[in-house]
Protein backbone atom coordinates (compact mmCIF):
# COMPACT_ATOMS: atom_id res chain seq x y z
CA UNK A 1 -21.61 -51.46 218.66
CA UNK A 2 -25.26 -52.51 219.14
CA UNK A 3 -25.84 -52.57 215.39
CA UNK A 4 -22.66 -54.57 214.78
CA UNK A 5 -23.49 -57.16 217.44
CA UNK A 6 -20.54 -56.17 219.66
CA UNK A 7 -22.34 -54.49 222.56
CA UNK A 8 -21.34 -57.32 224.93
CA UNK A 9 -17.64 -57.16 224.12
CA UNK A 10 -16.23 -54.61 226.54
CA UNK A 11 -12.55 -55.36 227.16
CA UNK A 12 -9.18 -53.73 227.72
CA UNK A 13 -8.42 -53.51 224.02
CA UNK A 14 -4.84 -52.61 223.11
CA UNK A 15 -4.60 -53.28 219.36
CA UNK A 16 -6.70 -53.94 216.23
CA UNK A 17 -5.92 -54.79 212.63
CA UNK A 18 -8.00 -55.81 209.62
CA UNK A 19 -7.36 -59.02 207.65
CA UNK A 20 -9.54 -61.41 205.65
CA UNK A 21 -9.15 -64.25 208.13
CA UNK A 22 -11.78 -66.60 206.64
CA UNK A 23 -10.87 -65.76 203.02
CA UNK A 24 -14.38 -64.78 202.02
CA UNK A 25 -13.45 -61.43 200.50
CA UNK A 26 -14.38 -59.06 203.31
CA UNK A 27 -12.49 -57.43 206.22
CA UNK A 28 -12.34 -59.30 209.53
CA UNK A 29 -10.45 -57.95 212.54
CA UNK A 30 -7.77 -59.28 214.86
CA UNK A 31 -8.05 -57.58 218.27
CA UNK A 32 -5.60 -57.72 221.20
CA UNK A 33 -6.83 -57.71 224.80
CA UNK A 34 -5.43 -58.23 228.33
CA UNK A 35 -5.40 -62.02 227.88
CA UNK A 36 -6.61 -64.80 230.16
CA UNK A 37 -3.39 -65.54 232.05
CA UNK A 38 -3.76 -62.65 234.55
CA UNK A 39 -4.96 -62.14 238.08
CA UNK A 40 -7.92 -60.10 236.86
CA UNK A 41 -10.80 -62.28 235.58
CA UNK A 42 -14.11 -61.27 234.05
CA UNK A 43 -17.08 -62.59 232.10
CA UNK A 44 -20.56 -61.38 231.06
CA UNK A 45 -22.10 -62.68 234.29
CA UNK A 46 -19.28 -61.59 236.66
CA UNK A 47 -17.80 -58.35 235.26
CA UNK A 48 -14.56 -56.75 236.44
CA UNK A 49 -15.13 -53.11 237.43
CA UNK A 50 -13.21 -49.98 238.15
CA UNK A 51 -14.47 -47.02 240.21
CA UNK A 52 -12.93 -43.55 240.57
CA UNK A 53 -13.98 -41.06 243.24
CA UNK A 54 -12.59 -39.01 246.10
CA UNK A 55 -13.41 -41.74 248.60
CA UNK A 56 -11.42 -40.23 251.50
CA UNK A 57 -12.41 -36.56 250.66
CA UNK A 58 -8.83 -35.33 250.36
CA UNK A 59 -9.31 -33.61 247.00
CA UNK A 60 -7.74 -36.40 244.97
CA UNK A 61 -9.31 -39.22 242.95
CA UNK A 62 -8.91 -42.74 244.33
CA UNK A 63 -9.10 -45.90 242.22
CA UNK A 64 -11.04 -48.99 243.39
CA UNK A 65 -11.02 -52.29 241.48
CA UNK A 66 -13.76 -54.85 242.06
CA UNK A 67 -14.91 -58.27 240.95
CA UNK A 68 -18.01 -60.40 241.57
CA UNK A 69 -18.03 -63.64 243.55
CA UNK A 70 -21.22 -65.51 244.42
CA UNK A 71 -23.25 -62.47 243.42
CA UNK A 72 -21.31 -60.19 245.80
CA UNK A 73 -19.16 -57.22 244.78
CA UNK A 74 -15.72 -57.49 246.37
CA UNK A 75 -12.57 -55.36 246.27
CA UNK A 76 -9.61 -56.75 244.30
CA UNK A 77 -7.05 -55.25 246.68
CA UNK A 78 -6.61 -56.57 250.20
CA UNK A 79 -6.78 -54.66 253.47
CA UNK A 80 -3.12 -53.57 253.51
CA UNK A 81 -3.11 -52.13 250.00
CA UNK A 82 -6.57 -50.61 250.36
CA UNK A 83 -5.75 -48.96 253.68
CA UNK A 84 -2.50 -47.52 252.26
CA UNK A 85 -4.70 -45.62 249.83
CA UNK A 86 -7.50 -44.93 252.34
CA UNK A 87 -5.98 -45.06 255.89
CA UNK A 88 -9.49 -44.75 257.48
CA UNK A 89 -10.15 -48.42 256.48
CA UNK A 90 -7.59 -49.58 259.07
CA UNK A 91 -9.71 -47.95 261.76
CA UNK A 92 -12.97 -49.36 260.39
CA UNK A 93 -11.69 -52.92 259.85
CA UNK A 94 -9.43 -54.25 262.62
CA UNK A 95 -8.87 -57.76 261.13
CA UNK A 96 -8.28 -59.28 257.73
CA UNK A 97 -11.21 -61.58 258.26
CA UNK A 98 -13.58 -58.71 258.87
CA UNK A 99 -12.45 -56.93 255.71
CA UNK A 100 -12.62 -60.10 253.65
CA UNK A 101 -16.27 -60.64 254.58
CA UNK A 102 -17.33 -57.07 253.72
CA UNK A 103 -18.84 -56.19 250.34
CA UNK A 104 -17.64 -53.30 248.20
CA UNK A 105 -20.81 -51.35 249.13
CA UNK A 106 -20.15 -51.84 252.83
CA UNK A 107 -16.55 -50.75 252.56
CA UNK A 108 -16.96 -47.66 250.35
CA UNK A 109 -20.64 -46.84 250.74
CA UNK A 110 -23.49 -47.28 248.28
CA UNK A 111 -24.02 -43.57 247.60
CA UNK A 112 -20.30 -42.94 247.05
CA UNK A 113 -20.11 -45.80 244.54
CA UNK A 114 -23.24 -44.50 242.77
CA UNK A 115 -21.61 -41.14 242.17
CA UNK A 116 -18.28 -42.65 241.10
CA UNK A 117 -16.93 -42.82 237.56
CA UNK A 118 -17.59 -46.51 236.87
CA UNK A 119 -16.55 -48.80 234.00
CA UNK A 120 -16.84 -52.59 233.66
CA UNK A 121 -15.17 -55.12 231.36
CA UNK A 122 -16.81 -58.42 230.48
CA UNK A 123 -14.05 -60.06 228.37
CA UNK A 124 -10.25 -60.11 228.62
CA UNK A 125 -9.78 -62.61 225.78
CA UNK A 126 -7.91 -61.60 222.65
CA UNK A 127 -10.15 -62.45 219.66
CA UNK A 128 -10.81 -62.19 215.96
CA UNK A 129 -14.02 -60.60 214.76
CA UNK A 130 -15.69 -62.38 211.85
CA UNK A 131 -17.40 -60.10 209.34
CA UNK A 132 -20.84 -61.68 208.80
CA UNK A 133 -21.99 -59.04 206.32
CA UNK A 134 -24.59 -56.28 206.67
CA UNK A 135 -22.46 -54.64 209.33
CA UNK A 136 -22.64 -57.57 211.72
CA UNK A 137 -19.67 -59.24 213.45
CA UNK A 138 -19.14 -62.45 215.46
CA UNK A 139 -16.40 -62.75 218.06
CA UNK A 140 -14.11 -65.81 218.17
CA UNK A 141 -11.58 -66.36 220.95
CA UNK A 142 -7.98 -66.82 219.80
CA UNK A 143 -6.02 -69.99 220.73
CA UNK A 144 -4.61 -70.39 224.24
CA UNK A 145 -1.12 -69.50 223.04
CA UNK A 146 -2.46 -66.02 222.26
CA UNK A 147 -3.99 -65.60 225.75
CA UNK A 148 -0.77 -65.92 227.77
CA UNK A 149 -0.37 -62.16 228.03
CA UNK A 150 -1.70 -58.91 226.59
CA UNK A 151 -1.38 -58.25 222.84
CA UNK A 152 -0.28 -54.63 222.52
CA UNK A 153 0.48 -54.57 218.78
CA UNK A 154 0.67 -56.77 215.67
CA UNK A 155 2.16 -56.75 212.18
CA UNK A 156 1.17 -58.70 209.06
CA UNK A 157 3.55 -61.21 207.47
CA UNK A 158 3.53 -64.13 205.06
CA UNK A 159 4.33 -67.36 206.87
CA UNK A 160 4.85 -70.39 204.60
CA UNK A 161 3.13 -68.26 201.93
CA UNK A 162 0.02 -67.94 204.14
CA UNK A 163 -1.24 -64.55 205.51
CA UNK A 164 -0.28 -64.38 209.16
CA UNK A 165 0.43 -61.93 212.02
CA UNK A 166 3.23 -61.40 214.49
CA UNK A 167 1.71 -60.38 217.83
CA UNK A 168 3.50 -59.20 220.98
CA UNK A 169 2.77 -57.38 224.20
CA UNK A 170 3.04 -57.77 228.01
CA UNK A 171 1.95 -55.34 230.71
CA UNK A 172 4.45 -54.56 233.47
CA UNK A 173 2.59 -51.77 235.24
CA UNK A 174 0.24 -53.06 237.94
CA UNK A 175 -0.70 -52.41 241.54
CA UNK A 176 1.62 -53.91 244.18
CA UNK A 177 -0.43 -57.07 244.88
CA UNK A 178 -0.66 -58.16 241.24
CA UNK A 179 2.26 -59.80 239.39
CA UNK A 180 3.04 -58.26 236.01
CA UNK A 181 1.66 -59.69 232.77
CA UNK A 182 4.96 -60.93 231.27
CA UNK A 183 4.43 -64.38 229.70
CA UNK A 184 4.57 -63.26 226.06
CA UNK A 185 7.73 -63.72 223.95
CA UNK A 186 5.87 -62.89 220.76
CA UNK A 187 3.75 -65.20 218.67
CA UNK A 188 2.87 -65.97 215.04
CA UNK A 189 -0.81 -66.44 214.24
CA UNK A 190 -1.96 -67.80 210.93
CA UNK A 191 -5.26 -68.79 209.37
CA UNK A 192 -5.75 -72.22 207.80
CA UNK A 193 -7.60 -73.02 204.57
CA UNK A 194 -10.92 -73.11 206.52
CA UNK A 195 -10.39 -69.68 208.12
CA UNK A 196 -9.56 -71.01 211.61
CA UNK A 197 -6.79 -69.17 213.47
CA UNK A 198 -3.80 -71.30 214.46
CA UNK A 199 -0.86 -70.36 216.70
CA UNK A 200 2.64 -71.28 215.51
CA UNK A 201 4.56 -72.37 218.66
CA UNK A 202 7.72 -70.28 219.28
CA UNK A 203 9.83 -73.43 218.99
CA UNK A 204 8.70 -73.67 215.40
CA UNK A 205 8.62 -70.01 214.40
CA UNK A 206 11.86 -69.18 216.32
CA UNK A 207 10.31 -65.83 217.30
CA UNK A 208 11.55 -64.68 220.71
CA UNK A 209 11.03 -61.11 221.89
CA UNK A 210 11.23 -60.41 225.61
CA UNK A 211 9.96 -57.29 227.37
CA UNK A 212 6.95 -55.02 227.30
CA UNK A 213 6.47 -54.57 223.59
CA UNK A 214 4.46 -51.46 222.80
CA UNK A 215 4.71 -51.12 218.97
CA UNK A 216 5.71 -53.32 216.05
CA UNK A 217 6.55 -51.90 212.63
CA UNK A 218 7.45 -53.70 209.42
CA UNK A 219 10.33 -52.34 207.29
CA UNK A 220 12.16 -53.42 204.14
CA UNK A 221 15.98 -53.89 204.40
CA UNK A 222 18.46 -53.04 201.66
CA UNK A 223 18.77 -56.83 201.09
CA UNK A 224 15.11 -56.90 200.05
CA UNK A 225 14.14 -58.95 203.10
CA UNK A 226 11.42 -57.89 205.46
CA UNK A 227 12.26 -57.04 209.08
CA UNK A 228 10.35 -55.93 212.11
CA UNK A 229 11.12 -53.21 214.63
CA UNK A 230 9.96 -53.86 218.18
CA UNK A 231 9.61 -50.79 220.46
CA UNK A 232 10.01 -52.11 224.01
CA UNK A 233 9.25 -50.04 227.13
CA UNK A 234 12.41 -49.16 229.09
CA UNK A 235 14.57 -51.12 226.68
CA UNK A 236 16.43 -50.70 223.37
CA UNK A 237 14.69 -50.88 220.02
CA UNK A 238 15.01 -54.42 218.57
CA UNK A 239 15.13 -55.45 214.93
CA UNK A 240 14.41 -58.99 213.69
CA UNK A 241 14.96 -59.95 210.09
CA UNK A 242 12.33 -62.21 208.59
CA UNK A 243 13.70 -65.40 207.00
CA UNK A 244 12.31 -65.57 203.46
CA UNK A 245 12.67 -69.36 203.51
CA UNK A 246 9.43 -69.38 205.56
């Protein structure tokens, strides 16, 4: 990743596919992330982190999520949710105000955090990676339409005779204090003649797929038309036929 120029692009990546976005003859990449419409936020200067350790010494791993605010590491989860996982915190912090003012190091201990399994993400934006040649890539953030939820999978299509992608996702599993990531109904992304990525609004594309889409697969029907299978978590498999008029 250092050699490719992507060492500062740590995200929660769910999907990747190659396509010549800028039409210069080489492979670029479309990559799906968590999206920017979620409770969890991150950036290069204020990364979102996860720690795993046996914080209450009961023989089981505990998960702690953290973010940075004003240069201070803070827990994502509040006192109630944190103390449900580690009951000792209710004894140590007798008020919500007291817990809210404490740093992550004060709550869980510097040494315990140092010995924890620790990962940080510095971008949750879904992007396309421009192939600059010589093994180098440049990241470009996808339009806001593509940031409404996570992009779990994608499939290539021709839209108005232009190479494009159907993308879909959502993330329903989350801890109790965080609403689920469920704003996606599927989206068509296409590149214009200059290589810029444009989103086709659902009102125009007529694409509408609800649920937590995990996988998209393209198939050919007996009619000769293309169709797409959408595998949706805890739901039936859905098939949408692609209108060749587009």
